[in-house]
Amino acid sequence: MKTEERPEAVAVFPQKITAAVSELKNRLQQDYAQAYPGLGDIIRIVLDEEEAKAWDLSSFPHLLLPDLVEAHIAKLGLERQTRGMTTFWRLPRSPGSQIINLLEVMLQSVSSP
């Protein structure tokens, strides 16, 4: 039995996956921005890094992306500390992480009045 070739389906499939990943990233950005207000830039960096990793790991990155992002956010160890009406964010000290210095600079600019 010979299968019928469908080149249009083959051409459309990667576009659908790319669109699904883009939509998922937008949803994750909104969810994490609500959970960690003022850290949108950090969340965007995490999403971009983990999207690249998901594409490296699978042809279906949208299935891996949420867990990769969640693990990365957990590894950063962001803690919300509230004093009065002001919320302060603290990052754990881990000398091996290159992103920590960037994040601390970004957090300082968000925290300063």
C-alpha atoms as a PDB file:
ATOM      1  CA  MET A   1       0.000   0.000   0.000  1.00  0.00           C
ATOM      2  CA  LYS A   2       1.429   3.353  -1.039  1.00  0.00           C
ATOM      3  CA  THR A   3       0.854   6.351   1.178  1.00  0.00           C
ATOM      4  CA  GLU A   4      -0.164   9.601  -0.392  1.00  0.00           C
ATOM      5  CA  GLU A   5       2.358  12.398  -0.030  1.00  0.00           C
ATOM      6  CA  ARG A   6       1.063  15.638   1.445  1.00  0.00           C
ATOM      7  CA  PRO A   7       3.780  18.276   1.088  1.00  0.00           C
ATOM      8  CA  GLU A   8       1.489  21.062   2.285  1.00  0.00           C
ATOM      9  CA  ALA A   9       0.986  19.251   5.611  1.00  0.00           C
ATOM     10  CA  VAL A  10       4.733  18.809   6.021  1.00  0.00           C
ATOM     11  CA  ALA A  11       5.302  22.507   5.339  1.00  0.00           C
ATOM     12  CA  VAL A  12       2.580  23.653   7.759  1.00  0.00           C
ATOM     13  CA  PHE A  13       3.565  21.459  10.711  1.00  0.00           C
ATOM     14  CA  PRO A  14       6.685  23.442  11.795  1.00  0.00           C
ATOM     15  CA  GLN A  15       4.693  26.665  11.566  1.00  0.00           C
ATOM     16  CA  LYS A  16       2.028  25.254  13.876  1.00  0.00           C
ATOM     17  CA  ILE A  17       4.640  24.134  16.410  1.00  0.00           C
ATOM     18  CA  THR A  18       6.315  27.549  16.297  1.00  0.00           C
ATOM     19  CA  ALA A  19       2.955  29.265  16.796  1.00  0.00           C
ATOM     20  CA  ALA A  20       2.111  26.963  19.712  1.00  0.00           C
ATOM     21  CA  VAL A  21       5.439  27.730  21.399  1.00  0.00           C
ATOM     22  CA  SER A  22       4.946  31.468  20.902  1.00  0.00           C
ATOM     23  CA  GLU A  23       1.443  31.363  22.369  1.00  0.00           C
ATOM     24  CA  LEU A  24       2.650  29.270  25.297  1.00  0.00           C
ATOM     25  CA  LYS A  25       5.511  31.680  26.004  1.00  0.00           C
ATOM     26  CA  ASN A  26       3.040  34.578  26.102  1.00  0.00           C
ATOM     27  CA  ARG A  27       0.831  32.713  28.572  1.00  0.00           C
ATOM     28  CA  LEU A  28       3.792  31.735  30.744  1.00  0.00           C
ATOM     29  CA  GLN A  29       5.066  35.332  30.680  1.00  0.00           C
ATOM     30  CA  GLN A  30       1.686  36.572  31.930  1.00  0.00           C
ATOM     31  CA  ASP A  31       1.421  33.885  34.615  1.00  0.00           C
ATOM     32  CA  TYR A  32       4.915  34.430  35.989  1.00  0.00           C
ATOM     33  CA  ALA A  33       4.600  38.230  35.750  1.00  0.00           C
ATOM     34  CA  GLN A  34       1.566  37.975  38.034  1.00  0.00           C
ATOM     35  CA  ALA A  35       3.382  35.669  40.418  1.00  0.00           C
ATOM     36  CA  TYR A  36       6.526  37.851  40.453  1.00  0.00           C
ATOM     37  CA  PRO A  37       5.475  41.449  39.769  1.00  0.00           C
ATOM     38  CA  GLY A  38       8.262  43.736  38.590  1.00  0.00           C
ATOM     39  CA  LEU A  39      10.424  40.881  37.298  1.00  0.00           C
ATOM     40  CA  GLY A  40       9.162  40.795  33.724  1.00  0.00           C
ATOM     41  CA  ASP A  41      12.641  41.187  32.228  1.00  0.00           C
ATOM     42  CA  ILE A  42      14.015  38.307  34.278  1.00  0.00           C
ATOM     43  CA  ILE A  43      11.067  36.126  33.331  1.00  0.00           C
ATOM     44  CA  ARG A  44      11.589  36.980  29.665  1.00  0.00           C
ATOM     45  CA  ILE A  45      15.268  35.960  29.890  1.00  0.00           C
ATOM     46  CA  VAL A  46      14.325  32.669  31.543  1.00  0.00           C
ATOM     47  CA  LEU A  47      11.659  31.977  28.906  1.00  0.00           C
ATOM     48  CA  ASP A  48      14.082  32.650  26.047  1.00  0.00           C
ATOM     49  CA  GLU A  49      16.805  30.441  27.542  1.00  0.00           C
ATOM     50  CA  GLU A  50      14.430  27.585  28.227  1.00  0.00           C
ATOM     51  CA  GLU A  51      12.769  27.853  24.821  1.00  0.00           C
ATOM     52  CA  ALA A  52      16.171  27.378  23.173  1.00  0.00           C
ATOM     53  CA  LYS A  53      16.818  24.379  25.417  1.00  0.00           C
ATOM     54  CA  ALA A  54      13.392  22.905  24.629  1.00  0.00           C
ATOM     55  CA  TRP A  55      14.027  23.192  20.869  1.00  0.00           C
ATOM     56  CA  ASP A  56      17.385  21.427  21.355  1.00  0.00           C
ATOM     57  CA  LEU A  57      15.756  18.603  23.286  1.00  0.00           C
ATOM     58  CA  SER A  58      12.656  17.932  21.214  1.00  0.00           C
ATOM     59  CA  SER A  59      10.739  18.558  18.016  1.00  0.00           C
ATOM     60  CA  PHE A  60       7.808  19.274  20.340  1.00  0.00           C
ATOM     61  CA  PRO A  61       9.258  22.008  22.579  1.00  0.00           C
ATOM     62  CA  HIS A  62       5.852  23.210  23.758  1.00  0.00           C
ATOM     63  CA  LEU A  63       5.542  19.972  25.734  1.00  0.00           C
ATOM     64  CA  LEU A  64       8.783  20.614  27.646  1.00  0.00           C
ATOM     65  CA  LEU A  65       8.797  24.392  28.013  1.00  0.00           C
ATOM     66  CA  PRO A  66       6.510  24.790  31.059  1.00  0.00           C
ATOM     67  CA  ASP A  67       8.516  22.317  33.157  1.00  0.00           C
ATOM     68  CA  LEU A  68      11.859  23.761  32.058  1.00  0.00           C
ATOM     69  CA  VAL A  69      10.738  27.283  32.969  1.00  0.00           C
ATOM     70  CA  GLU A  70       9.337  26.165  36.310  1.00  0.00           C
ATOM     71  CA  ALA A  71      12.606  24.395  37.173  1.00  0.00           C
ATOM     72  CA  HIS A  72      14.669  27.442  36.164  1.00  0.00           C
ATOM     73  CA  ILE A  73      12.525  29.822  38.226  1.00  0.00           C
ATOM     74  CA  ALA A  74      12.782  27.449  41.198  1.00  0.00           C
ATOM     75  CA  LYS A  75      16.564  27.270  40.775  1.00  0.00           C
ATOM     76  CA  LEU A  76      16.765  31.075  40.980  1.00  0.00           C
ATOM     77  CA  GLY A  77      15.105  30.805  44.368  1.00  0.00           C
ATOM     78  CA  LEU A  78      13.201  34.050  44.131  1.00  0.00           C
ATOM     79  CA  GLU A  79      11.555  34.873  47.425  1.00  0.00           C
ATOM     80  CA  ARG A  80       8.950  37.518  47.965  1.00  0.00           C
ATOM     81  CA  GLN A  81       9.540  39.473  51.142  1.00  0.00           C
ATOM     82  CA  THR A  82       6.993  42.076  52.122  1.00  0.00           C
ATOM     83  CA  ARG A  83       7.735  44.939  54.486  1.00  0.00           C
ATOM     84  CA  GLY A  84       4.855  47.309  54.888  1.00  0.00           C
ATOM     85  CA  MET A  85       3.636  48.231  51.422  1.00  0.00           C
ATOM     86  CA  THR A  86       6.964  47.489  49.674  1.00  0.00           C
ATOM     87  CA  THR A  87       7.894  44.120  48.240  1.00  0.00           C
ATOM     88  CA  PHE A  88      11.593  43.216  48.138  1.00  0.00           C
ATOM     89  CA  TRP A  89      13.093  40.447  46.059  1.00  0.00           C
ATOM     90  CA  ARG A  90      16.180  38.518  47.059  1.00  0.00           C
ATOM     91  CA  LEU A  91      18.256  36.135  44.978  1.00  0.00           C
ATOM     92  CA  PRO A  92      20.305  33.352  46.523  1.00  0.00           C
ATOM     93  CA  ARG A  93      24.091  33.607  46.273  1.00  0.00           C
ATOM     94  CA  SER A  94      25.409  30.932  43.942  1.00  0.00           C
ATOM     95  CA  PRO A  95      28.826  31.727  42.459  1.00  0.00           C
ATOM     96  CA  GLY A  96      28.423  29.450  39.417  1.00  0.00           C
ATOM     97  CA  SER A  97      25.463  31.270  37.901  1.00  0.00           C
ATOM     98  CA  GLN A  98      26.295  33.947  35.334  1.00  0.00           C
ATOM     99  CA  ILE A  99      22.779  35.308  35.282  1.00  0.00           C
ATOM    100  CA  ILE A 100      22.774  36.246  38.993  1.00  0.00           C
ATOM    101  CA  ASN A 101      24.796  39.444  38.501  1.00  0.00           C
ATOM    102  CA  LEU A 102      22.493  40.605  35.716  1.00  0.00           C
ATOM    103  CA  LEU A 103      19.431  39.777  37.764  1.00  0.00           C
ATOM    104  CA  GLU A 104      20.722  41.633  40.808  1.00  0.00           C
ATOM    105  CA  VAL A 105      21.369  44.764  38.750  1.00  0.00           C
ATOM    106  CA  MET A 106      17.888  44.518  37.269  1.00  0.00           C
ATOM    107  CA  LEU A 107      16.337  43.960  40.687  1.00  0.00           C
ATOM    108  CA  GLN A 108      18.129  46.967  42.128  1.00  0.00           C
ATOM    109  CA  SER A 109      16.716  49.177  39.395  1.00  0.00           C
ATOM    110  CA  VAL A 110      13.208  47.783  40.036  1.00  0.00           C
ATOM    111  CA  SER A 111      13.530  48.226  43.823  1.00  0.00           C
ATOM    112  CA  SER A 112      14.971  51.755  43.811  1.00  0.00           C
ATOM    113  CA  PRO A 113      12.445  54.587  44.124  1.00  0.00           C
END
